[in-house]
Amino acid sequence: VQLVESGGGLVQPGGSLRLSCVASGFTFSAYDMKWYRQAPGKEREWVATIRGDGGRSTYTDSVKGRFTISRDNAKNTVYLQMNSLKPEDTAVYYCNVRLKSKYWGQGTQVTVSS
């Protein structure tokens, strides 16, 4: 199993970023995919989940209405569209899948600062 995130960077408050996570080594469409984040000095927290067929997604309260998780099963890719970014969104963002074990990517840094 391999998960490779990309798309992070430095953005001003109010800006947008789109993260991508390309997955391999398992039947992508059969599994829910999740995004987590970890800010400096804090524990890793769950951000969003999307069902394997893309039919249902859920979000932590702090990102509802600003972030959108989506997936393209033909490309084995899950996305996180982040709009109206705030300084408190600064973190390393990870995608995750739970098979018999939990698997993580290497993470992509998102910094929201003026």
C-alpha atoms as a PDB file:
ATOM      1  CA  VAL A   1       0.000   0.000   0.000  1.00  0.00           C
ATOM      2  CA  GLN A   2       1.299   3.424  -0.919  1.00  0.00           C
ATOM      3  CA  LEU A   3      -0.256   6.855  -0.400  1.00  0.00           C
ATOM      4  CA  VAL A   4       1.413   9.931  -1.889  1.00  0.00           C
ATOM      5  CA  GLU A   5       0.117  13.388  -1.018  1.00  0.00           C
ATOM      6  CA  SER A   6       0.832  16.594  -2.916  1.00  0.00           C
ATOM      7  CA  GLY A   7      -0.499  20.104  -3.338  1.00  0.00           C
ATOM      8  CA  GLY A   8       0.510  21.764  -0.108  1.00  0.00           C
ATOM      9  CA  GLY A   9       2.189  25.140   0.117  1.00  0.00           C
ATOM     10  CA  LEU A  10       2.098  28.641   1.532  1.00  0.00           C
ATOM     11  CA  VAL A  11      -1.148  30.571   1.086  1.00  0.00           C
ATOM     12  CA  GLN A  12      -2.543  33.781   2.496  1.00  0.00           C
ATOM     13  CA  PRO A  13      -5.572  33.752   4.800  1.00  0.00           C
ATOM     14  CA  GLY A  14      -8.726  33.481   2.726  1.00  0.00           C
ATOM     15  CA  GLY A  15      -6.927  31.619  -0.027  1.00  0.00           C
ATOM     16  CA  SER A  16      -7.436  28.149  -1.431  1.00  0.00           C
ATOM     17  CA  LEU A  17      -5.432  24.982  -1.986  1.00  0.00           C
ATOM     18  CA  ARG A  18      -6.254  21.598  -3.445  1.00  0.00           C
ATOM     19  CA  LEU A  19      -4.509  18.574  -1.988  1.00  0.00           C
ATOM     20  CA  SER A  20      -4.229  15.278  -3.832  1.00  0.00           C
ATOM     21  CA  CYS A  21      -3.429  11.782  -2.623  1.00  0.00           C
ATOM     22  CA  VAL A  22      -2.621   9.038  -5.118  1.00  0.00           C
ATOM     23  CA  ALA A  23      -3.124   5.536  -3.772  1.00  0.00           C
ATOM     24  CA  SER A  24      -1.810   2.183  -4.908  1.00  0.00           C
ATOM     25  CA  GLY A  25      -1.569  -1.394  -3.695  1.00  0.00           C
ATOM     26  CA  PHE A  26      -5.212  -2.000  -2.865  1.00  0.00           C
ATOM     27  CA  THR A  27      -8.659  -1.853  -4.465  1.00  0.00           C
ATOM     28  CA  PHE A  28      -9.129   1.883  -4.094  1.00  0.00           C
ATOM     29  CA  SER A  29     -12.864   2.069  -4.774  1.00  0.00           C
ATOM     30  CA  ALA A  30     -13.637  -0.488  -2.064  1.00  0.00           C
ATOM     31  CA  TYR A  31     -12.431   1.659   0.834  1.00  0.00           C
ATOM     32  CA  ASP A  32     -13.296   4.868   2.589  1.00  0.00           C
ATOM     33  CA  MET A  33     -10.512   7.428   2.390  1.00  0.00           C
ATOM     34  CA  LYS A  34      -9.717   9.993   5.046  1.00  0.00           C
ATOM     35  CA  TRP A  35      -7.738  13.179   5.456  1.00  0.00           C
ATOM     36  CA  TYR A  36      -6.072  14.023   8.757  1.00  0.00           C
ATOM     37  CA  ARG A  37      -3.875  16.924   9.805  1.00  0.00           C
ATOM     38  CA  GLN A  38      -1.305  17.595  12.483  1.00  0.00           C
ATOM     39  CA  ALA A  39      -0.411  21.089  13.599  1.00  0.00           C
ATOM     40  CA  PRO A  40       2.868  21.835  15.411  1.00  0.00           C
ATOM     41  CA  GLY A  41       2.691  20.668  19.011  1.00  0.00           C
ATOM     42  CA  LYS A  42      -0.742  19.100  18.582  1.00  0.00           C
ATOM     43  CA  GLU A  43      -2.091  15.613  18.067  1.00  0.00           C
ATOM     44  CA  ARG A  44      -3.105  14.413  14.640  1.00  0.00           C
ATOM     45  CA  GLU A  45      -6.792  15.123  14.036  1.00  0.00           C
ATOM     46  CA  TRP A  46      -9.320  13.754  11.601  1.00  0.00           C
ATOM     47  CA  VAL A  47     -10.488  16.222   8.943  1.00  0.00           C
ATOM     48  CA  ALA A  48     -12.760  14.427   6.467  1.00  0.00           C
ATOM     49  CA  THR A  49     -13.879  11.041   5.177  1.00  0.00           C
ATOM     50  CA  ILE A  50     -15.333   9.959   1.854  1.00  0.00           C
ATOM     51  CA  ARG A  51     -17.038   6.653   1.190  1.00  0.00           C
ATOM     52  CA  GLY A  52     -15.555   4.264  -1.344  1.00  0.00           C
ATOM     53  CA  ASP A  53     -18.170   5.018  -3.971  1.00  0.00           C
ATOM     54  CA  GLY A  54     -17.916   8.744  -3.316  1.00  0.00           C
ATOM     55  CA  GLY A  55     -21.537   8.845  -2.235  1.00  0.00           C
ATOM     56  CA  ARG A  56     -21.144  10.229   1.266  1.00  0.00           C
ATOM     57  CA  SER A  57     -18.625  12.464   2.985  1.00  0.00           C
ATOM     58  CA  THR A  58     -18.254  13.754   6.525  1.00  0.00           C
ATOM     59  CA  TYR A  59     -16.200  16.571   8.033  1.00  0.00           C
ATOM     60  CA  THR A  60     -14.914  17.795  11.337  1.00  0.00           C
ATOM     61  CA  ASP A  61     -16.874  20.851  12.470  1.00  0.00           C
ATOM     62  CA  SER A  62     -14.004  23.319  12.049  1.00  0.00           C
ATOM     63  CA  VAL A  63     -13.818  22.772   8.270  1.00  0.00           C
ATOM     64  CA  LYS A  64     -17.478  22.311   7.371  1.00  0.00           C
ATOM     65  CA  GLY A  65     -18.508  24.658   4.590  1.00  0.00           C
ATOM     66  CA  ARG A  66     -14.877  25.423   3.691  1.00  0.00           C
ATOM     67  CA  PHE A  67     -13.325  22.064   2.756  1.00  0.00           C
ATOM     68  CA  THR A  68     -14.596  19.494   0.265  1.00  0.00           C
ATOM     69  CA  ILE A  69     -13.334  15.933  -0.002  1.00  0.00           C
ATOM     70  CA  SER A  70     -13.765  14.125  -3.313  1.00  0.00           C
ATOM     71  CA  ARG A  71     -12.327  11.164  -5.165  1.00  0.00           C
ATOM     72  CA  ASP A  72     -11.702   9.874  -8.658  1.00  0.00           C
ATOM     73  CA  ASN A  73     -11.734   6.101  -8.526  1.00  0.00           C
ATOM     74  CA  ALA A  74     -10.485   5.851 -12.114  1.00  0.00           C
ATOM     75  CA  LYS A  75      -7.323   7.675 -11.026  1.00  0.00           C
ATOM     76  CA  ASN A  76      -7.033   6.117  -7.542  1.00  0.00           C
ATOM     77  CA  THR A  77      -6.925   9.649  -6.186  1.00  0.00           C
ATOM     78  CA  VAL A  78      -8.603  11.449  -3.313  1.00  0.00           C
ATOM     79  CA  TYR A  79      -8.690  15.239  -3.101  1.00  0.00           C
ATOM     80  CA  LEU A  80      -9.194  17.866  -0.441  1.00  0.00           C
ATOM     81  CA  GLN A  81     -10.320  21.242  -1.753  1.00  0.00           C
ATOM     82  CA  MET A  82      -9.633  23.830   0.936  1.00  0.00           C
ATOM     83  CA  ASN A  83     -11.213  27.270   0.627  1.00  0.00           C
ATOM     84  CA  SER A  84     -11.335  30.282   2.954  1.00  0.00           C
ATOM     85  CA  LEU A  85      -8.182  29.066   4.630  1.00  0.00           C
ATOM     86  CA  LYS A  86      -7.347  30.318   8.104  1.00  0.00           C
ATOM     87  CA  PRO A  87      -4.028  30.450   9.991  1.00  0.00           C
ATOM     88  CA  GLU A  88      -5.347  27.689  12.256  1.00  0.00           C
ATOM     89  CA  ASP A  89      -5.520  25.375   9.229  1.00  0.00           C
ATOM     90  CA  THR A  90      -1.715  25.362   9.169  1.00  0.00           C
ATOM     91  CA  ALA A  91      -0.618  21.740   9.538  1.00  0.00           C
ATOM     92  CA  VAL A  92       0.835  18.741   7.789  1.00  0.00           C
ATOM     93  CA  TYR A  93      -2.019  17.023   5.972  1.00  0.00           C
ATOM     94  CA  TYR A  94      -2.097  13.250   5.584  1.00  0.00           C
ATOM     95  CA  CYS A  95      -4.332  10.892   3.689  1.00  0.00           C
ATOM     96  CA  ASN A  96      -5.245   7.617   5.307  1.00  0.00           C
ATOM     97  CA  VAL A  97      -6.867   4.311   4.545  1.00  0.00           C
ATOM     98  CA  ARG A  98      -7.748   1.530   6.927  1.00  0.00           C
ATOM     99  CA  LEU A  99      -7.416  -1.949   5.548  1.00  0.00           C
ATOM    100  CA  LYS A 100      -6.422  -4.577   8.127  1.00  0.00           C
ATOM    101  CA  SER A 101      -4.029  -1.875   9.334  1.00  0.00           C
ATOM    102  CA  LYS A 102      -3.999   1.898   9.017  1.00  0.00           C
ATOM    103  CA  TYR A 103      -1.814   3.317   6.265  1.00  0.00           C
ATOM    104  CA  TRP A 104      -0.517   6.871   5.978  1.00  0.00           C
ATOM    105  CA  GLY A 105       1.165   8.968   3.346  1.00  0.00           C
ATOM    106  CA  GLN A 106       4.238  11.091   4.016  1.00  0.00           C
ATOM    107  CA  GLY A 107       2.145  14.229   4.415  1.00  0.00           C
ATOM    108  CA  THR A 108       2.094  17.609   2.705  1.00  0.00           C
ATOM    109  CA  GLN A 109       2.687  20.890   4.516  1.00  0.00           C
ATOM    110  CA  VAL A 110       0.010  23.577   4.402  1.00  0.00           C
ATOM    111  CA  THR A 111       0.946  26.983   5.800  1.00  0.00           C
ATOM    112  CA  VAL A 112      -1.617  29.769   6.004  1.00  0.00           C
ATOM    113  CA  SER A 113       0.064  33.070   6.736  1.00  0.00           C
ATOM    114  CA  SER A 114       0.215  36.632   5.528  1.00  0.00           C
END
